[in-house]
Amino acid sequence: MNLFVENELAKPGLKIAFKQLFITFAIVMIGTIIIYFVWEKHFAISALTGGLIGIIPNIIFALKAFRYAGAKSSKKVVESFFSGVKIKMVLTAILFSLAFKFLVIQPLPFFGMFCLVMAMPLLQPLFLTKK
């Protein structure tokens, strides 16, 4: 993690972000396994793809956004946050394009899992408690 963090103050934020991403990934994997056994392989692949399309850009965003912290580097914080958002949006569009071009997608599990990943930041307080 030190490779991506320019400031020691940013470490706690990055740690929380990765904890949230790990929980999200675990839920995607559990959901994918359930879909695999309830329906079939193509539905599970679609669900996993939708989940990964939501998670991968968030990892890049977390690495970019939580690089700086503190009052001395407030301009860098804002710049890294906005550039992280831009990269996240472009990467999401690219991943969607690749999925639609090269995979046979089942829409319900694909978009359902993607929407679940996008809703996870709202649900995270149920899973994460401050210790």
N, C-alpha and C. Protein backbone atom coordinates (compact mmCIF):
# COMPACT_ATOMS: atom_id res chain seq x y z
N MET A 1 0.81 -1.20 0.00
CA MET A 1 0.00 0.00 0.00
C MET A 1 0.85 1.26 0.00
N ASN A 2 2.04 1.20 0.55
CA ASN A 2 2.90 2.38 0.61
C ASN A 2 3.28 2.89 -0.77
N LEU A 3 3.25 2.03 -1.76
CA LEU A 3 3.61 2.40 -3.11
C LEU A 3 2.67 3.47 -3.65
N PHE A 4 1.40 3.44 -3.23
CA PHE A 4 0.40 4.35 -3.78
C PHE A 4 0.09 5.53 -2.87
N VAL A 5 0.52 5.49 -1.63
CA VAL A 5 0.19 6.54 -0.67
C VAL A 5 1.36 7.50 -0.54
N GLU A 6 1.11 8.76 -0.81
CA GLU A 6 2.14 9.79 -0.72
C GLU A 6 2.23 10.38 0.68
N ASN A 7 1.20 10.20 1.49
CA ASN A 7 1.10 10.84 2.78
C ASN A 7 0.59 9.83 3.80
N GLU A 8 1.18 9.81 4.98
CA GLU A 8 0.77 8.86 6.03
C GLU A 8 -0.68 9.09 6.46
N LEU A 9 -1.17 10.32 6.33
CA LEU A 9 -2.55 10.61 6.72
C LEU A 9 -3.57 9.91 5.82
N ALA A 10 -3.17 9.53 4.62
CA ALA A 10 -4.08 8.90 3.67
C ALA A 10 -4.25 7.41 3.92
N LYS A 11 -3.36 6.81 4.68
CA LYS A 11 -3.41 5.35 4.90
C LYS A 11 -4.73 4.87 5.51
N PRO A 12 -5.27 5.53 6.54
CA PRO A 12 -6.54 5.03 7.09
C PRO A 12 -7.68 5.06 6.07
N GLY A 13 -7.75 6.08 5.26
CA GLY A 13 -8.79 6.16 4.24
C GLY A 13 -8.67 5.05 3.21
N LEU A 14 -7.44 4.78 2.79
CA LEU A 14 -7.21 3.71 1.82
C LEU A 14 -7.52 2.35 2.43
N LYS A 15 -7.20 2.20 3.71
CA LYS A 15 -7.49 0.94 4.39
C LYS A 15 -9.00 0.70 4.46
N ILE A 16 -9.77 1.72 4.78
CA ILE A 16 -11.23 1.60 4.83
C ILE A 16 -11.79 1.31 3.44
N ALA A 17 -11.26 1.99 2.44
CA ALA A 17 -11.73 1.77 1.07
C ALA A 17 -11.50 0.32 0.64
N PHE A 18 -10.33 -0.22 0.93
CA PHE A 18 -10.05 -1.60 0.55
C PHE A 18 -10.86 -2.60 1.37
N LYS A 19 -11.16 -2.26 2.61
CA LYS A 19 -12.03 -3.12 3.41
C LYS A 19 -13.43 -3.17 2.79
N GLN A 20 -13.93 -2.02 2.37
CA GLN A 20 -15.23 -1.97 1.71
C GLN A 20 -15.22 -2.74 0.39
N LEU A 21 -14.14 -2.59 -0.36
CA LEU A 21 -14.04 -3.31 -1.63
C LEU A 21 -13.95 -4.82 -1.42
N PHE A 22 -13.28 -5.24 -0.36
CA PHE A 22 -13.20 -6.67 -0.05
C PHE A 22 -14.58 -7.23 0.28
N ILE A 23 -15.34 -6.50 1.10
CA ILE A 23 -16.70 -6.94 1.43
C ILE A 23 -17.56 -7.00 0.18
N THR A 24 -17.44 -6.01 -0.67
CA THR A 24 -18.20 -6.00 -1.93
C THR A 24 -17.82 -7.19 -2.79
N PHE A 25 -16.52 -7.47 -2.91
CA PHE A 25 -16.07 -8.61 -3.70
C PHE A 25 -16.60 -9.92 -3.12
N ALA A 26 -16.59 -10.04 -1.80
CA ALA A 26 -17.10 -11.25 -1.16
C ALA A 26 -18.58 -11.44 -1.46
N ILE A 27 -19.35 -10.37 -1.42
CA ILE A 27 -20.78 -10.46 -1.72
C ILE A 27 -21.00 -10.82 -3.18
N VAL A 28 -20.20 -10.27 -4.08
CA VAL A 28 -20.30 -10.63 -5.50
C VAL A 28 -20.01 -12.11 -5.69
N MET A 29 -18.98 -12.61 -5.03
CA MET A 29 -18.63 -14.03 -5.17
C MET A 29 -19.72 -14.93 -4.60
N ILE A 30 -20.25 -14.59 -3.45
CA ILE A 30 -21.33 -15.38 -2.84
C ILE A 30 -22.56 -15.36 -3.75
N GLY A 31 -22.91 -14.17 -4.25
CA GLY A 31 -24.05 -14.06 -5.16
C GLY A 31 -23.84 -14.86 -6.44
N THR A 32 -22.63 -14.82 -6.96
CA THR A 32 -22.32 -15.58 -8.18
C THR A 32 -22.44 -17.08 -7.95
N ILE A 33 -21.96 -17.55 -6.83
CA ILE A 33 -22.06 -18.98 -6.51
C ILE A 33 -23.52 -19.39 -6.35
N ILE A 34 -24.31 -18.57 -5.68
CA ILE A 34 -25.74 -18.88 -5.53
C ILE A 34 -26.41 -18.92 -6.90
N ILE A 35 -26.13 -17.94 -7.74
CA ILE A 35 -26.73 -17.90 -9.08
C ILE A 35 -26.30 -19.12 -9.89
N TYR A 36 -25.06 -19.54 -9.73
CA TYR A 36 -24.56 -20.71 -10.46
C TYR A 36 -25.37 -21.96 -10.09
N PHE A 37 -25.65 -22.15 -8.82
CA PHE A 37 -26.38 -23.34 -8.41
C PHE A 37 -27.88 -23.24 -8.64
N VAL A 38 -28.44 -22.04 -8.58
CA VAL A 38 -29.88 -21.87 -8.78
C VAL A 38 -30.23 -21.88 -10.27
N TRP A 39 -29.46 -21.16 -11.06
CA TRP A 39 -29.72 -21.12 -12.48
C TRP A 39 -28.64 -21.93 -13.21
N GLU A 40 -27.86 -21.29 -14.03
CA GLU A 40 -26.83 -22.03 -14.76
C GLU A 40 -25.57 -21.19 -14.92
N LYS A 41 -24.60 -21.77 -15.56
CA LYS A 41 -23.28 -21.16 -15.70
C LYS A 41 -23.32 -19.80 -16.39
N HIS A 42 -24.11 -19.65 -17.45
CA HIS A 42 -24.15 -18.38 -18.19
C HIS A 42 -24.68 -17.23 -17.33
N PHE A 43 -25.63 -17.54 -16.47
CA PHE A 43 -26.16 -16.52 -15.57
C PHE A 43 -25.10 -16.12 -14.53
N ALA A 44 -24.36 -17.12 -14.04
CA ALA A 44 -23.31 -16.84 -13.05
C ALA A 44 -22.17 -16.02 -13.67
N ILE A 45 -21.80 -16.35 -14.89
CA ILE A 45 -20.75 -15.59 -15.58
C ILE A 45 -21.19 -14.15 -15.79
N SER A 46 -22.45 -13.96 -16.15
CA SER A 46 -22.98 -12.61 -16.34
C SER A 46 -22.97 -11.83 -15.01
N ALA A 47 -23.36 -12.50 -13.93
CA ALA A 47 -23.37 -11.84 -12.63
C ALA A 47 -21.95 -11.46 -12.20
N LEU A 48 -21.02 -12.39 -12.37
CA LEU A 48 -19.63 -12.11 -12.00
C LEU A 48 -19.07 -10.97 -12.84
N THR A 49 -19.36 -10.98 -14.11
CA THR A 49 -18.89 -9.90 -15.00
C THR A 49 -19.45 -8.56 -14.57
N GLY A 50 -20.75 -8.50 -14.29
CA GLY A 50 -21.36 -7.25 -13.82
C GLY A 50 -20.74 -6.76 -12.53
N GLY A 51 -20.47 -7.69 -11.62
CA GLY A 51 -19.84 -7.32 -10.35
C GLY A 51 -18.43 -6.80 -10.54
N LEU A 52 -17.66 -7.48 -11.38
CA LEU A 52 -16.27 -7.04 -11.61
C LEU A 52 -16.21 -5.71 -12.33
N ILE A 53 -17.17 -5.46 -13.22
CA ILE A 53 -17.21 -4.16 -13.90
C ILE A 53 -17.45 -3.04 -12.89
N GLY A 54 -18.13 -3.34 -11.82
CA GLY A 54 -18.32 -2.35 -10.76
C GLY A 54 -17.14 -2.24 -9.83
N ILE A 55 -16.46 -3.36 -9.55
CA ILE A 55 -15.39 -3.37 -8.55
C ILE A 55 -14.06 -2.85 -9.09
N ILE A 56 -13.67 -3.29 -10.27
CA ILE A 56 -12.34 -2.92 -10.81
C ILE A 56 -12.15 -1.41 -10.90
N PRO A 57 -13.09 -0.66 -11.47
CA PRO A 57 -12.89 0.80 -11.48
C PRO A 57 -12.84 1.41 -10.08
N ASN A 58 -13.56 0.80 -9.13
CA ASN A 58 -13.52 1.32 -7.75
C ASN A 58 -12.16 1.11 -7.11
N ILE A 59 -11.49 0.03 -7.44
CA ILE A 59 -10.13 -0.20 -6.93
C ILE A 59 -9.19 0.89 -7.45
N ILE A 60 -9.28 1.16 -8.75
CA ILE A 60 -8.43 2.20 -9.35
C ILE A 60 -8.75 3.56 -8.73
N PHE A 61 -10.04 3.83 -8.52
CA PHE A 61 -10.44 5.09 -7.91
C PHE A 61 -9.86 5.21 -6.49
N ALA A 62 -9.96 4.15 -5.70
CA ALA A 62 -9.46 4.19 -4.32
C ALA A 62 -7.96 4.47 -4.30
N LEU A 63 -7.23 3.81 -5.18
CA LEU A 63 -5.78 4.03 -5.24
C LEU A 63 -5.45 5.47 -5.61
N LYS A 64 -6.23 6.02 -6.53
CA LYS A 64 -5.99 7.39 -6.98
C LYS A 64 -6.48 8.43 -5.96
N ALA A 65 -7.68 8.23 -5.42
CA ALA A 65 -8.29 9.23 -4.55
C ALA A 65 -7.63 9.31 -3.18
N PHE A 66 -7.13 8.20 -2.66
CA PHE A 66 -6.56 8.19 -1.33
C PHE A 66 -5.04 8.22 -1.35
N ARG A 67 -4.51 8.91 -2.31
CA ARG A 67 -3.07 9.04 -2.42
C ARG A 67 -2.52 10.16 -1.52
N TYR A 68 -3.30 11.20 -1.37
CA TYR A 68 -2.88 12.37 -0.57
C TYR A 68 -3.89 12.64 0.54
N ALA A 69 -3.45 13.32 1.57
CA ALA A 69 -4.34 13.75 2.65
C ALA A 69 -3.66 14.90 3.39
N GLY A 70 -4.45 15.64 4.13
CA GLY A 70 -3.91 16.71 4.97
C GLY A 70 -4.10 18.08 4.36
N ALA A 71 -3.96 19.09 5.22
CA ALA A 71 -4.18 20.47 4.82
C ALA A 71 -3.12 20.97 3.85
N LYS A 72 -1.88 20.50 4.01
CA LYS A 72 -0.80 20.97 3.14
C LYS A 72 -0.99 20.53 1.70
N SER A 73 -1.62 19.40 1.51
CA SER A 73 -1.79 18.88 0.15
C SER A 73 -3.25 18.87 -0.28
N SER A 74 -4.02 19.86 0.18
CA SER A 74 -5.46 19.88 -0.13
C SER A 74 -5.73 20.00 -1.63
N LYS A 75 -4.90 20.76 -2.34
CA LYS A 75 -5.07 20.87 -3.79
C LYS A 75 -4.82 19.53 -4.46
N LYS A 76 -3.80 18.82 -4.01
CA LYS A 76 -3.50 17.49 -4.56
C LYS A 76 -4.63 16.50 -4.25
N VAL A 77 -5.24 16.63 -3.08
CA VAL A 77 -6.36 15.76 -2.71
C VAL A 77 -7.51 15.93 -3.69
N VAL A 78 -7.85 17.18 -3.95
CA VAL A 78 -8.96 17.47 -4.87
C VAL A 78 -8.62 17.01 -6.28
N GLU A 79 -7.42 17.29 -6.74
CA GLU A 79 -7.02 16.88 -8.08
C GLU A 79 -7.00 15.36 -8.23
N SER A 80 -6.49 14.66 -7.23
CA SER A 80 -6.44 13.20 -7.33
C SER A 80 -7.84 12.60 -7.25
N PHE A 81 -8.71 13.21 -6.47
CA PHE A 81 -10.10 12.74 -6.40
C PHE A 81 -10.79 12.87 -7.75
N PHE A 82 -10.69 14.05 -8.35
CA PHE A 82 -11.37 14.27 -9.64
C PHE A 82 -10.75 13.45 -10.76
N SER A 83 -9.45 13.30 -10.77
CA SER A 83 -8.84 12.46 -11.80
C SER A 83 -9.22 11.00 -11.57
N GLY A 84 -9.36 10.60 -10.31
CA GLY A 84 -9.80 9.24 -10.00
C GLY A 84 -11.22 8.98 -10.50
N VAL A 85 -12.09 9.96 -10.34
CA VAL A 85 -13.47 9.83 -10.84
C VAL A 85 -13.48 9.71 -12.36
N LYS A 86 -12.67 10.53 -13.02
CA LYS A 86 -12.61 10.47 -14.49
C LYS A 86 -12.12 9.10 -14.96
N ILE A 87 -11.06 8.61 -14.35
CA ILE A 87 -10.51 7.30 -14.72
C ILE A 87 -11.55 6.21 -14.46
N LYS A 88 -12.24 6.32 -13.34
CA LYS A 88 -13.27 5.33 -12.99
C LYS A 88 -14.38 5.30 -14.05
N MET A 89 -14.83 6.45 -14.46
CA MET A 89 -15.91 6.51 -15.45
C MET A 89 -15.47 5.95 -16.81
N VAL A 90 -14.29 6.32 -17.25
CA VAL A 90 -13.78 5.83 -18.54
C VAL A 90 -13.56 4.32 -18.48
N LEU A 91 -12.97 3.85 -17.41
CA LEU A 91 -12.72 2.42 -17.28
C LEU A 91 -14.02 1.63 -17.21
N THR A 92 -15.02 2.16 -16.53
CA THR A 92 -16.33 1.50 -16.49
C THR A 92 -16.92 1.39 -17.89
N ALA A 93 -16.85 2.46 -18.65
CA ALA A 93 -17.38 2.44 -20.03
C ALA A 93 -16.61 1.43 -20.89
N ILE A 94 -15.31 1.39 -20.74
CA ILE A 94 -14.49 0.44 -21.52
C ILE A 94 -14.85 -0.99 -21.15
N LEU A 95 -14.98 -1.26 -19.86
CA LEU A 95 -15.32 -2.62 -19.42
C LEU A 95 -16.71 -3.03 -19.88
N PHE A 96 -17.66 -2.11 -19.84
CA PHE A 96 -19.00 -2.41 -20.39
C PHE A 96 -18.90 -2.74 -21.87
N SER A 97 -18.17 -1.94 -22.60
CA SER A 97 -18.02 -2.16 -24.05
C SER A 97 -17.40 -3.53 -24.33
N LEU A 98 -16.35 -3.87 -23.60
CA LEU A 98 -15.71 -5.17 -23.80
C LEU A 98 -16.65 -6.32 -23.46
N ALA A 99 -17.41 -6.17 -22.39
CA ALA A 99 -18.35 -7.23 -21.99
C ALA A 99 -19.43 -7.42 -23.06
N PHE A 100 -19.98 -6.33 -23.56
CA PHE A 100 -21.03 -6.44 -24.57
C PHE A 100 -20.50 -6.97 -25.89
N LYS A 101 -19.25 -6.67 -26.20
CA LYS A 101 -18.68 -7.11 -27.48
C LYS A 101 -18.27 -8.58 -27.46
N PHE A 102 -17.68 -9.05 -26.35
CA PHE A 102 -17.07 -10.37 -26.35
C PHE A 102 -17.81 -11.44 -25.54
N LEU A 103 -18.79 -11.06 -24.76
CA LEU A 103 -19.50 -12.04 -23.94
C LEU A 103 -20.98 -12.08 -24.30
N VAL A 104 -21.58 -13.23 -24.06
CA VAL A 104 -23.03 -13.36 -24.18
C VAL A 104 -23.57 -13.06 -22.78
N ILE A 105 -24.22 -11.92 -22.65
CA ILE A 105 -24.64 -11.42 -21.35
C ILE A 105 -26.10 -11.74 -21.10
N GLN A 106 -26.38 -12.26 -19.91
CA GLN A 106 -27.76 -12.40 -19.44
C GLN A 106 -28.06 -11.10 -18.68
N PRO A 107 -28.99 -10.28 -19.16
CA PRO A 107 -29.16 -8.93 -18.60
C PRO A 107 -29.52 -8.87 -17.11
N LEU A 108 -30.41 -9.72 -16.66
CA LEU A 108 -30.86 -9.61 -15.27
C LEU A 108 -29.73 -9.82 -14.25
N PRO A 109 -28.98 -10.92 -14.31
CA PRO A 109 -27.89 -11.05 -13.33
C PRO A 109 -26.75 -10.06 -13.55
N PHE A 110 -26.50 -9.70 -14.81
CA PHE A 110 -25.43 -8.76 -15.13
C PHE A 110 -25.70 -7.40 -14.51
N PHE A 111 -26.84 -6.82 -14.84
CA PHE A 111 -27.16 -5.49 -14.32
C PHE A 111 -27.56 -5.53 -12.85
N GLY A 112 -28.15 -6.65 -12.42
CA GLY A 112 -28.48 -6.79 -11.00
C GLY A 112 -27.25 -6.74 -10.13
N MET A 113 -26.22 -7.49 -10.52
CA MET A 113 -24.98 -7.51 -9.72
C MET A 113 -24.26 -6.17 -9.82
N PHE A 114 -24.26 -5.56 -11.01
CA PHE A 114 -23.63 -4.25 -11.17
C PHE A 114 -24.33 -3.23 -10.26
N CYS A 115 -25.65 -3.23 -10.25
CA CYS A 115 -26.40 -2.30 -9.40
C CYS A 115 -26.16 -2.57 -7.92
N LEU A 116 -26.03 -3.85 -7.55
CA LEU A 116 -25.72 -4.19 -6.16
C LEU A 116 -24.36 -3.62 -5.76
N VAL A 117 -23.37 -3.75 -6.65
CA VAL A 117 -22.04 -3.19 -6.36
C VAL A 117 -22.12 -1.67 -6.23
N MET A 118 -22.92 -1.03 -7.07
CA MET A 118 -23.04 0.42 -6.99
C MET A 118 -23.78 0.85 -5.72
N ALA A 119 -24.66 -0.01 -5.21
CA ALA A 119 -25.42 0.32 -4.00
C ALA A 119 -24.65 -0.03 -2.72
N MET A 120 -23.59 -0.80 -2.84
CA MET A 120 -22.86 -1.25 -1.65
C MET A 120 -22.35 -0.12 -0.76
N PRO A 121 -21.88 1.01 -1.29
CA PRO A 121 -21.46 2.09 -0.38
C PRO A 121 -22.59 2.56 0.54
N LEU A 122 -23.82 2.43 0.09
CA LEU A 122 -24.95 2.81 0.95
C LEU A 122 -25.22 1.74 2.00
N LEU A 123 -24.88 0.49 1.69
CA LEU A 123 -25.13 -0.62 2.59
C LEU A 123 -23.95 -0.92 3.51
N GLN A 124 -22.79 -0.37 3.22
CA GLN A 124 -21.57 -0.66 3.98
C GLN A 124 -21.69 -0.38 5.48
N PRO A 125 -22.38 0.67 5.90
CA PRO A 125 -22.47 0.90 7.35
C PRO A 125 -23.11 -0.27 8.11
N LEU A 126 -23.88 -1.10 7.42
CA LEU A 126 -24.46 -2.27 8.08
C LEU A 126 -23.40 -3.33 8.37
N PHE A 127 -22.34 -3.37 7.54
CA PHE A 127 -21.30 -4.38 7.66
C PHE A 127 -20.07 -3.90 8.42
N LEU A 128 -19.77 -2.63 8.30
CA LEU A 128 -18.56 -2.08 8.93
C LEU A 128 -18.94 -1.31 10.19
N THR A 129 -18.27 -1.61 11.26
CA THR A 129 -18.45 -0.86 12.49
C THR A 129 -17.11 -0.25 12.87
N LYS A 130 -17.16 0.88 13.48
CA LYS A 130 -15.92 1.55 13.88
C LYS A 130 -15.43 0.91 15.18
N LYS A 131 -14.17 0.50 15.15
CA LYS A 131 -13.60 -0.16 16.34
C LYS A 131 -12.49 0.66 16.93
